[in-house]
Amino acid sequence: MRKPGEPIYLRIHMVALALAVAAPLALPRLYEIVIGPLSFVARVVAGILIAAGAGVMLYRLYGPSARNEPGP
């Protein structure tokens, strides 16, 4: 049972969150497989930039759609 005021997250929110968590690790690795090797520093910087971008996207796109459950 949800508490009053607790956000209701939709399934799409959870999918987007899972992608945002996996993308900083998967995208540099995919780049290495398809295009060529990356240095460790390039992988770390790319991971940080991807994570920051994914966080901003989650906040901007899904923040307004996370409805709060009405109180009793």
C-alpha atoms as a PDB file:
ATOM      1  CA  MET A   1       0.000   0.000   0.000  1.00  0.00           C
ATOM      2  CA  ARG A   2       1.314   3.432  -0.934  1.00  0.00           C
ATOM      3  CA  LYS A   3       1.565   6.244   1.564  1.00  0.00           C
ATOM      4  CA  PRO A   4      -0.254   9.500   0.737  1.00  0.00           C
ATOM      5  CA  GLY A   5       1.894  11.695  -1.487  1.00  0.00           C
ATOM      6  CA  GLU A   6       4.163   8.840  -2.571  1.00  0.00           C
ATOM      7  CA  PRO A   7       4.885   9.034  -6.321  1.00  0.00           C
ATOM      8  CA  ILE A   8       3.329   6.537  -8.703  1.00  0.00           C
ATOM      9  CA  TYR A   9       5.960   5.445 -11.206  1.00  0.00           C
ATOM     10  CA  LEU A  10       4.874   4.004 -14.510  1.00  0.00           C
ATOM     11  CA  ARG A  11       6.529   1.027 -16.188  1.00  0.00           C
ATOM     12  CA  ILE A  12       8.146   3.364 -18.738  1.00  0.00           C
ATOM     13  CA  HIS A  13       9.862   5.188 -15.860  1.00  0.00           C
ATOM     14  CA  MET A  14      11.474   1.957 -14.711  1.00  0.00           C
ATOM     15  CA  VAL A  15      12.570   1.032 -18.251  1.00  0.00           C
ATOM     16  CA  ALA A  16      14.112   4.484 -18.749  1.00  0.00           C
ATOM     17  CA  LEU A  17      15.887   4.221 -15.402  1.00  0.00           C
ATOM     18  CA  ALA A  18      17.320   0.805 -16.308  1.00  0.00           C
ATOM     19  CA  LEU A  19      18.558   2.175 -19.634  1.00  0.00           C
ATOM     20  CA  ALA A  20      20.088   5.206 -17.910  1.00  0.00           C
ATOM     21  CA  VAL A  21      21.962   2.909 -15.521  1.00  0.00           C
ATOM     22  CA  ALA A  22      23.174   0.540 -18.262  1.00  0.00           C
ATOM     23  CA  ALA A  23      24.064   3.140 -20.921  1.00  0.00           C
ATOM     24  CA  PRO A  24      27.249   4.558 -19.310  1.00  0.00           C
ATOM     25  CA  LEU A  25      28.759   1.076 -19.306  1.00  0.00           C
ATOM     26  CA  ALA A  26      27.277  -0.311 -22.505  1.00  0.00           C
ATOM     27  CA  LEU A  27      27.764   2.572 -24.947  1.00  0.00           C
ATOM     28  CA  PRO A  28      31.567   2.915 -24.587  1.00  0.00           C
ATOM     29  CA  ARG A  29      31.858  -0.878 -24.813  1.00  0.00           C
ATOM     30  CA  LEU A  30      29.697  -0.911 -27.951  1.00  0.00           C
ATOM     31  CA  TYR A  31      31.916   1.821 -29.431  1.00  0.00           C
ATOM     32  CA  GLU A  32      34.972  -0.345 -28.779  1.00  0.00           C
ATOM     33  CA  ILE A  33      33.380  -3.355 -30.457  1.00  0.00           C
ATOM     34  CA  VAL A  34      32.145  -1.483 -33.537  1.00  0.00           C
ATOM     35  CA  ILE A  35      34.741   1.242 -34.142  1.00  0.00           C
ATOM     36  CA  GLY A  36      37.918   0.626 -32.197  1.00  0.00           C
ATOM     37  CA  PRO A  37      39.685   0.746 -28.860  1.00  0.00           C
ATOM     38  CA  LEU A  38      39.271   3.570 -26.331  1.00  0.00           C
ATOM     39  CA  SER A  39      41.715   4.554 -23.645  1.00  0.00           C
ATOM     40  CA  PHE A  40      40.710   4.159 -20.018  1.00  0.00           C
ATOM     41  CA  VAL A  41      40.392   7.921 -19.573  1.00  0.00           C
ATOM     42  CA  ALA A  42      38.170   8.207 -22.660  1.00  0.00           C
ATOM     43  CA  ARG A  43      35.929   5.424 -21.321  1.00  0.00           C
ATOM     44  CA  VAL A  44      35.622   7.126 -17.928  1.00  0.00           C
ATOM     45  CA  VAL A  45      34.902  10.562 -19.408  1.00  0.00           C
ATOM     46  CA  ALA A  46      32.367   9.101 -21.861  1.00  0.00           C
ATOM     47  CA  GLY A  47      30.680   7.204 -19.015  1.00  0.00           C
ATOM     48  CA  ILE A  48      30.419  10.323 -16.860  1.00  0.00           C
ATOM     49  CA  LEU A  49      29.030  12.411 -19.732  1.00  0.00           C
ATOM     50  CA  ILE A  50      26.511   9.719 -20.692  1.00  0.00           C
ATOM     51  CA  ALA A  51      25.411   9.310 -17.061  1.00  0.00           C
ATOM     52  CA  ALA A  52      24.978  13.070 -16.618  1.00  0.00           C
ATOM     53  CA  GLY A  53      23.032  13.349 -19.865  1.00  0.00           C
ATOM     54  CA  ALA A  54      20.822  10.393 -18.973  1.00  0.00           C
ATOM     55  CA  GLY A  55      20.129  11.869 -15.531  1.00  0.00           C
ATOM     56  CA  VAL A  56      19.103  15.218 -16.993  1.00  0.00           C
ATOM     57  CA  MET A  57      16.904  13.485 -19.567  1.00  0.00           C
ATOM     58  CA  LEU A  58      15.188  11.399 -16.879  1.00  0.00           C
ATOM     59  CA  TYR A  59      14.570  14.476 -14.766  1.00  0.00           C
ATOM     60  CA  ARG A  60      13.221  16.603 -17.632  1.00  0.00           C
ATOM     61  CA  LEU A  61      11.133  13.951 -19.410  1.00  0.00           C
ATOM     62  CA  TYR A  62       9.695  11.830 -16.620  1.00  0.00           C
ATOM     63  CA  GLY A  63       9.584  14.160 -13.610  1.00  0.00           C
ATOM     64  CA  PRO A  64       6.290  15.805 -14.602  1.00  0.00           C
ATOM     65  CA  SER A  65       4.645  12.465 -15.401  1.00  0.00           C
ATOM     66  CA  ALA A  66       5.406  10.902 -11.987  1.00  0.00           C
ATOM     67  CA  ARG A  67       2.031  11.584 -10.422  1.00  0.00           C
ATOM     68  CA  ASN A  68       1.473  11.713  -6.698  1.00  0.00           C
ATOM     69  CA  GLU A  69      -1.192   9.515  -5.180  1.00  0.00           C
ATOM     70  CA  PRO A  70      -3.999  11.602  -3.712  1.00  0.00           C
ATOM     71  CA  GLY A  71      -4.274  11.645   0.055  1.00  0.00           C
ATOM     72  CA  PRO A  72      -7.162  10.052   1.976  1.00  0.00           C
END
